[in-house]
């Protein structure tokens, strides 16, 4: 067998069929703390995007503050799921539902 280093290893992970851990690997995993995880191979990220990627790159309290300032509506997961189950989770559909609610309550006030 050759001991020549090719410099690259290729592996395809099937998320629907992940490899199983041995009992020893599972015990080691459960015993780990966050500080035990080696992150040395992850590139440095700037703080303006690294804390909460995909949501303005901000910590949750700053996201709430920005959402309030910019008049952005943050929905709970169960509310969003209700719209998804109905087949239309589009902002225009949600806006129409909120408008109907507001108009109904305005008339009854």
N, C-alpha and C. Protein backbone atom coordinates (compact mmCIF):
# COMPACT_ATOMS: atom_id res chain seq x y z
N UNK A 1 0.84 -1.17 0.00
CA UNK A 1 0.00 0.00 0.00
C UNK A 1 0.88 1.23 0.00
N UNK A 2 0.52 2.22 -0.78
CA UNK A 2 1.29 3.45 -0.87
C UNK A 2 0.96 4.37 0.28
N UNK A 3 1.97 5.07 0.78
CA UNK A 3 1.76 6.04 1.86
C UNK A 3 1.84 7.46 1.32
N UNK A 4 1.72 7.62 0.02
CA UNK A 4 1.77 8.93 -0.60
C UNK A 4 0.50 9.71 -0.23
N UNK A 5 0.67 10.95 0.22
CA UNK A 5 -0.43 11.80 0.60
C UNK A 5 -0.96 12.52 -0.64
N UNK A 6 -2.23 12.30 -0.97
CA UNK A 6 -2.82 12.96 -2.14
C UNK A 6 -3.29 14.36 -1.79
N UNK A 7 -3.46 14.66 -0.50
CA UNK A 7 -3.85 16.00 -0.08
C UNK A 7 -5.34 16.25 -0.04
N UNK A 8 -6.14 15.31 -0.53
CA UNK A 8 -7.58 15.56 -0.53
C UNK A 8 -8.33 14.27 -0.26
N UNK A 9 -9.35 14.39 0.55
CA UNK A 9 -10.23 13.26 0.82
C UNK A 9 -11.63 13.69 0.44
N UNK A 10 -12.34 12.86 -0.27
CA UNK A 10 -13.70 13.18 -0.68
C UNK A 10 -14.66 12.23 0.01
N UNK A 11 -15.74 12.78 0.56
CA UNK A 11 -16.73 11.98 1.25
C UNK A 11 -18.09 12.61 1.03
N UNK A 12 -19.07 11.82 0.68
CA UNK A 12 -20.42 12.32 0.50
C UNK A 12 -21.29 11.76 1.62
N UNK A 13 -21.91 12.66 2.36
CA UNK A 13 -22.77 12.25 3.46
C UNK A 13 -24.22 12.28 3.00
N UNK A 14 -24.91 11.20 3.23
CA UNK A 14 -26.33 11.13 2.93
C UNK A 14 -27.09 11.50 4.19
N UNK A 15 -27.70 12.70 4.25
CA UNK A 15 -28.37 13.14 5.47
C UNK A 15 -29.55 12.26 5.87
N UNK A 16 -30.11 11.54 4.91
CA UNK A 16 -31.22 10.65 5.22
C UNK A 16 -30.75 9.30 5.77
N UNK A 17 -29.46 9.06 5.66
CA UNK A 17 -28.91 7.79 6.10
C UNK A 17 -27.53 8.02 6.72
N UNK A 18 -27.47 8.75 7.86
CA UNK A 18 -26.18 9.09 8.44
C UNK A 18 -25.48 7.85 9.02
N UNK A 19 -24.15 7.92 9.11
CA UNK A 19 -23.44 6.79 9.69
C UNK A 19 -23.78 6.66 11.17
N UNK A 20 -23.80 5.44 11.67
CA UNK A 20 -24.10 5.23 13.09
C UNK A 20 -22.82 5.33 13.90
N UNK A 21 -22.97 5.82 15.12
CA UNK A 21 -21.83 5.94 16.02
C UNK A 21 -21.68 4.66 16.83
N UNK A 22 -20.45 4.33 17.16
CA UNK A 22 -20.22 3.22 18.06
C UNK A 22 -20.60 3.69 19.47
N UNK A 23 -20.76 2.76 20.38
CA UNK A 23 -21.11 3.11 21.77
C UNK A 23 -20.03 4.01 22.36
N UNK A 24 -18.78 3.74 22.03
CA UNK A 24 -17.66 4.55 22.53
C UNK A 24 -17.72 5.98 21.98
N UNK A 25 -18.00 6.11 20.68
CA UNK A 25 -18.11 7.44 20.05
C UNK A 25 -19.28 8.22 20.65
N UNK A 26 -20.40 7.54 20.86
CA UNK A 26 -21.57 8.20 21.42
C UNK A 26 -21.30 8.66 22.85
N UNK A 27 -20.64 7.85 23.65
CA UNK A 27 -20.31 8.23 25.03
C UNK A 27 -19.37 9.43 25.04
N UNK A 28 -18.39 9.43 24.13
CA UNK A 28 -17.45 10.56 24.03
C UNK A 28 -18.18 11.83 23.62
N UNK A 29 -19.09 11.71 22.67
CA UNK A 29 -19.85 12.85 22.20
C UNK A 29 -20.68 13.46 23.33
N UNK A 30 -21.36 12.63 24.09
CA UNK A 30 -22.20 13.12 25.18
C UNK A 30 -21.39 13.71 26.32
N UNK A 31 -20.14 13.29 26.45
CA UNK A 31 -19.28 13.80 27.52
C UNK A 31 -18.63 15.13 27.15
N UNK A 32 -18.70 15.53 25.88
CA UNK A 32 -18.03 16.75 25.43
C UNK A 32 -18.77 18.01 25.88
N UNK A 33 -17.99 19.04 26.15
CA UNK A 33 -18.51 20.39 26.39
C UNK A 33 -18.22 21.21 25.15
N UNK A 34 -18.84 22.38 25.04
CA UNK A 34 -18.58 23.24 23.89
C UNK A 34 -17.10 23.59 23.77
N UNK A 35 -16.43 23.80 24.90
CA UNK A 35 -15.02 24.19 24.87
C UNK A 35 -14.11 23.05 24.36
N UNK A 36 -14.63 21.82 24.36
CA UNK A 36 -13.85 20.68 23.88
C UNK A 36 -13.85 20.57 22.35
N UNK A 37 -14.70 21.32 21.68
CA UNK A 37 -14.82 21.21 20.22
C UNK A 37 -13.71 22.03 19.56
N UNK A 38 -12.98 21.40 18.67
CA UNK A 38 -11.89 22.06 17.96
C UNK A 38 -12.46 22.85 16.79
N UNK A 39 -12.38 24.16 16.89
CA UNK A 39 -12.88 25.04 15.84
C UNK A 39 -11.76 25.70 15.05
N UNK A 40 -10.54 25.19 15.21
CA UNK A 40 -9.37 25.84 14.62
C UNK A 40 -9.39 25.85 13.09
N UNK A 41 -10.15 24.94 12.47
CA UNK A 41 -10.16 24.91 11.01
C UNK A 41 -11.28 25.76 10.41
N UNK A 42 -12.03 26.47 11.25
CA UNK A 42 -13.10 27.34 10.76
C UNK A 42 -12.55 28.75 10.61
N UNK A 43 -12.72 29.38 9.46
CA UNK A 43 -12.19 30.73 9.26
C UNK A 43 -12.82 31.73 10.22
N UNK A 44 -12.06 32.75 10.57
CA UNK A 44 -12.58 33.83 11.42
C UNK A 44 -13.73 34.51 10.71
N UNK A 45 -14.72 34.92 11.47
CA UNK A 45 -15.86 35.62 10.91
C UNK A 45 -16.00 36.95 11.63
N UNK A 46 -16.44 37.96 10.89
CA UNK A 46 -16.63 39.26 11.52
C UNK A 46 -17.88 39.20 12.37
N UNK A 47 -17.91 39.94 13.47
CA UNK A 47 -19.04 39.88 14.40
C UNK A 47 -20.32 40.45 13.81
N UNK A 48 -20.23 41.23 12.76
CA UNK A 48 -21.46 41.79 12.21
C UNK A 48 -22.31 40.76 11.48
N UNK A 49 -21.76 39.55 11.18
CA UNK A 49 -22.55 38.54 10.49
C UNK A 49 -22.48 37.16 11.13
N UNK A 50 -21.57 36.95 12.07
CA UNK A 50 -21.31 35.61 12.54
C UNK A 50 -22.25 35.13 13.64
N UNK A 51 -22.88 36.04 14.36
CA UNK A 51 -23.61 35.63 15.54
C UNK A 51 -24.90 34.91 15.21
N UNK A 52 -25.65 35.43 14.26
CA UNK A 52 -26.91 34.81 13.88
C UNK A 52 -27.07 34.87 12.37
N UNK A 53 -26.34 34.02 11.65
CA UNK A 53 -26.39 34.07 10.20
C UNK A 53 -27.81 33.86 9.67
N UNK A 54 -28.15 34.62 8.65
CA UNK A 54 -29.45 34.48 8.04
C UNK A 54 -30.50 35.38 8.65
N UNK A 55 -30.18 36.02 9.75
CA UNK A 55 -31.13 36.92 10.39
C UNK A 55 -30.40 38.20 10.73
N UNK A 56 -29.96 38.91 9.71
CA UNK A 56 -29.21 40.15 9.79
C UNK A 56 -27.86 39.98 10.48
N UNK A 57 -27.45 38.76 10.81
CA UNK A 57 -26.18 38.53 11.46
C UNK A 57 -26.08 39.19 12.82
N UNK A 58 -27.18 39.23 13.57
CA UNK A 58 -27.20 39.91 14.86
C UNK A 58 -27.67 38.98 15.97
N UNK A 59 -27.29 39.29 17.22
CA UNK A 59 -27.85 38.53 18.35
C UNK A 59 -29.35 38.80 18.44
N UNK A 60 -30.09 37.89 19.06
CA UNK A 60 -31.54 37.96 19.07
C UNK A 60 -32.07 39.26 19.64
N UNK A 61 -31.48 39.80 20.72
CA UNK A 61 -31.99 41.06 21.28
C UNK A 61 -31.83 42.21 20.29
N UNK A 62 -30.75 42.21 19.52
CA UNK A 62 -30.57 43.24 18.49
C UNK A 62 -31.52 43.02 17.32
N UNK A 63 -31.83 41.76 17.00
CA UNK A 63 -32.79 41.46 15.94
C UNK A 63 -34.15 42.02 16.33
N UNK A 64 -34.55 41.78 17.58
CA UNK A 64 -35.85 42.30 18.04
C UNK A 64 -35.87 43.82 17.98
N UNK A 65 -34.77 44.45 18.40
CA UNK A 65 -34.68 45.90 18.37
C UNK A 65 -34.78 46.42 16.94
N UNK A 66 -34.03 45.80 16.02
CA UNK A 66 -34.06 46.21 14.61
C UNK A 66 -35.45 45.96 14.02
N UNK A 67 -36.05 44.84 14.35
CA UNK A 67 -37.38 44.52 13.84
C UNK A 67 -38.39 45.57 14.31
N UNK A 68 -38.30 45.97 15.57
CA UNK A 68 -39.21 46.99 16.10
C UNK A 68 -38.98 48.33 15.39
N UNK A 69 -37.72 48.68 15.24
CA UNK A 69 -37.36 49.96 14.61
C UNK A 69 -37.79 49.98 13.14
N UNK A 70 -37.58 48.87 12.44
CA UNK A 70 -37.88 48.80 11.01
C UNK A 70 -39.30 48.32 10.72
N UNK A 71 -40.09 48.11 11.77
CA UNK A 71 -41.48 47.64 11.65
C UNK A 71 -41.55 46.27 10.96
N UNK A 72 -40.68 45.37 11.37
CA UNK A 72 -40.66 44.01 10.86
C UNK A 72 -41.41 43.13 11.84
N UNK A 73 -42.27 42.28 11.36
CA UNK A 73 -43.05 41.40 12.21
C UNK A 73 -42.33 40.07 12.36
N UNK A 74 -42.03 39.69 13.61
CA UNK A 74 -41.42 38.40 13.89
C UNK A 74 -42.52 37.43 14.30
N UNK A 75 -42.69 36.37 13.54
CA UNK A 75 -43.76 35.41 13.81
C UNK A 75 -43.25 34.24 14.63
N UNK A 76 -44.09 33.73 15.50
CA UNK A 76 -43.77 32.51 16.23
C UNK A 76 -43.83 31.34 15.24
N UNK A 77 -43.06 30.30 15.53
CA UNK A 77 -42.97 29.16 14.63
C UNK A 77 -44.33 28.50 14.41
N UNK A 78 -45.15 28.40 15.46
CA UNK A 78 -46.45 27.74 15.31
C UNK A 78 -47.40 28.54 14.43
N UNK A 79 -47.30 29.86 14.47
CA UNK A 79 -48.14 30.70 13.61
C UNK A 79 -47.73 30.53 12.16
N UNK A 80 -46.43 30.56 11.91
CA UNK A 80 -45.93 30.37 10.55
C UNK A 80 -46.32 28.99 10.02
N UNK A 81 -46.22 27.99 10.88
CA UNK A 81 -46.59 26.63 10.47
C UNK A 81 -48.06 26.54 10.09
N UNK A 82 -48.93 27.27 10.80
CA UNK A 82 -50.35 27.30 10.47
C UNK A 82 -50.57 27.83 9.06
N UNK A 83 -49.85 28.91 8.70
CA UNK A 83 -49.97 29.45 7.34
C UNK A 83 -49.41 28.47 6.31
N UNK A 84 -48.31 27.83 6.64
CA UNK A 84 -47.72 26.85 5.71
C UNK A 84 -48.69 25.70 5.46
N UNK A 85 -49.32 25.21 6.55
CA UNK A 85 -50.26 24.10 6.41
C UNK A 85 -51.47 24.49 5.56
N UNK A 86 -51.85 25.77 5.61
CA UNK A 86 -52.99 26.24 4.82
C UNK A 86 -52.61 26.39 3.34
N UNK A 87 -51.32 26.29 3.05
CA UNK A 87 -50.87 26.34 1.67
C UNK A 87 -50.36 27.69 1.21
N UNK A 88 -50.41 28.71 2.10
CA UNK A 88 -49.95 30.03 1.67
C UNK A 88 -49.32 30.76 2.85
N UNK A 89 -48.02 30.73 2.90
CA UNK A 89 -47.29 31.45 3.96
C UNK A 89 -46.68 32.73 3.41
N UNK A 90 -47.27 33.26 2.34
CA UNK A 90 -46.71 34.46 1.73
C UNK A 90 -47.02 35.69 2.58
N UNK A 91 -46.14 36.69 2.58
CA UNK A 91 -46.40 37.92 3.34
C UNK A 91 -47.71 38.59 2.95
N UNK A 92 -48.09 38.54 1.66
CA UNK A 92 -49.33 39.18 1.25
C UNK A 92 -50.55 38.49 1.87
N UNK A 93 -50.51 37.16 1.99
CA UNK A 93 -51.60 36.42 2.63
C UNK A 93 -51.68 36.78 4.12
N UNK A 94 -50.54 36.84 4.78
CA UNK A 94 -50.51 37.18 6.21
C UNK A 94 -51.00 38.61 6.41
N UNK A 95 -50.61 39.50 5.52
CA UNK A 95 -51.04 40.89 5.58
C UNK A 95 -52.56 40.98 5.44
N UNK A 96 -53.13 40.21 4.52
CA UNK A 96 -54.58 40.22 4.30
C UNK A 96 -55.31 39.73 5.55
N UNK A 97 -54.79 38.68 6.19
CA UNK A 97 -55.42 38.16 7.41
C UNK A 97 -55.36 39.20 8.52
N UNK A 98 -54.22 39.84 8.68
CA UNK A 98 -54.08 40.88 9.71
C UNK A 98 -54.97 42.08 9.41
N UNK A 99 -55.08 42.46 8.15
CA UNK A 99 -55.93 43.59 7.76
C UNK A 99 -57.39 43.27 8.07
N UNK A 100 -57.83 42.05 7.74
CA UNK A 100 -59.21 41.65 8.03
C UNK A 100 -59.47 41.68 9.53
N UNK A 101 -58.52 41.18 10.31
CA UNK A 101 -58.65 41.19 11.78
C UNK A 101 -58.77 42.63 12.28
N UNK A 102 -57.91 43.51 11.80
CA UNK A 102 -57.91 44.91 12.24
C UNK A 102 -59.21 45.60 11.87
N UNK A 103 -59.70 45.38 10.66
CA UNK A 103 -60.94 46.01 10.22
C UNK A 103 -62.13 45.50 11.03
N UNK A 104 -62.16 44.22 11.32
CA UNK A 104 -63.25 43.65 12.12
C UNK A 104 -63.26 44.26 13.52
N UNK A 105 -62.08 44.36 14.12
CA UNK A 105 -62.01 44.90 15.48
C UNK A 105 -62.22 46.41 15.51
N UNK A 106 -61.87 47.08 14.45
CA UNK A 106 -62.09 48.52 14.37
C UNK A 106 -63.59 48.81 14.33
N UNK A 107 -64.35 48.00 13.57
CA UNK A 107 -65.80 48.18 13.46
C UNK A 107 -66.49 47.88 14.78
N UNK A 108 -65.96 46.89 15.53
CA UNK A 108 -66.58 46.47 16.78
C UNK A 108 -66.16 47.34 17.97
N UNK A 109 -65.20 48.21 17.78
CA UNK A 109 -64.69 49.02 18.90
C UNK A 109 -65.56 50.20 19.21
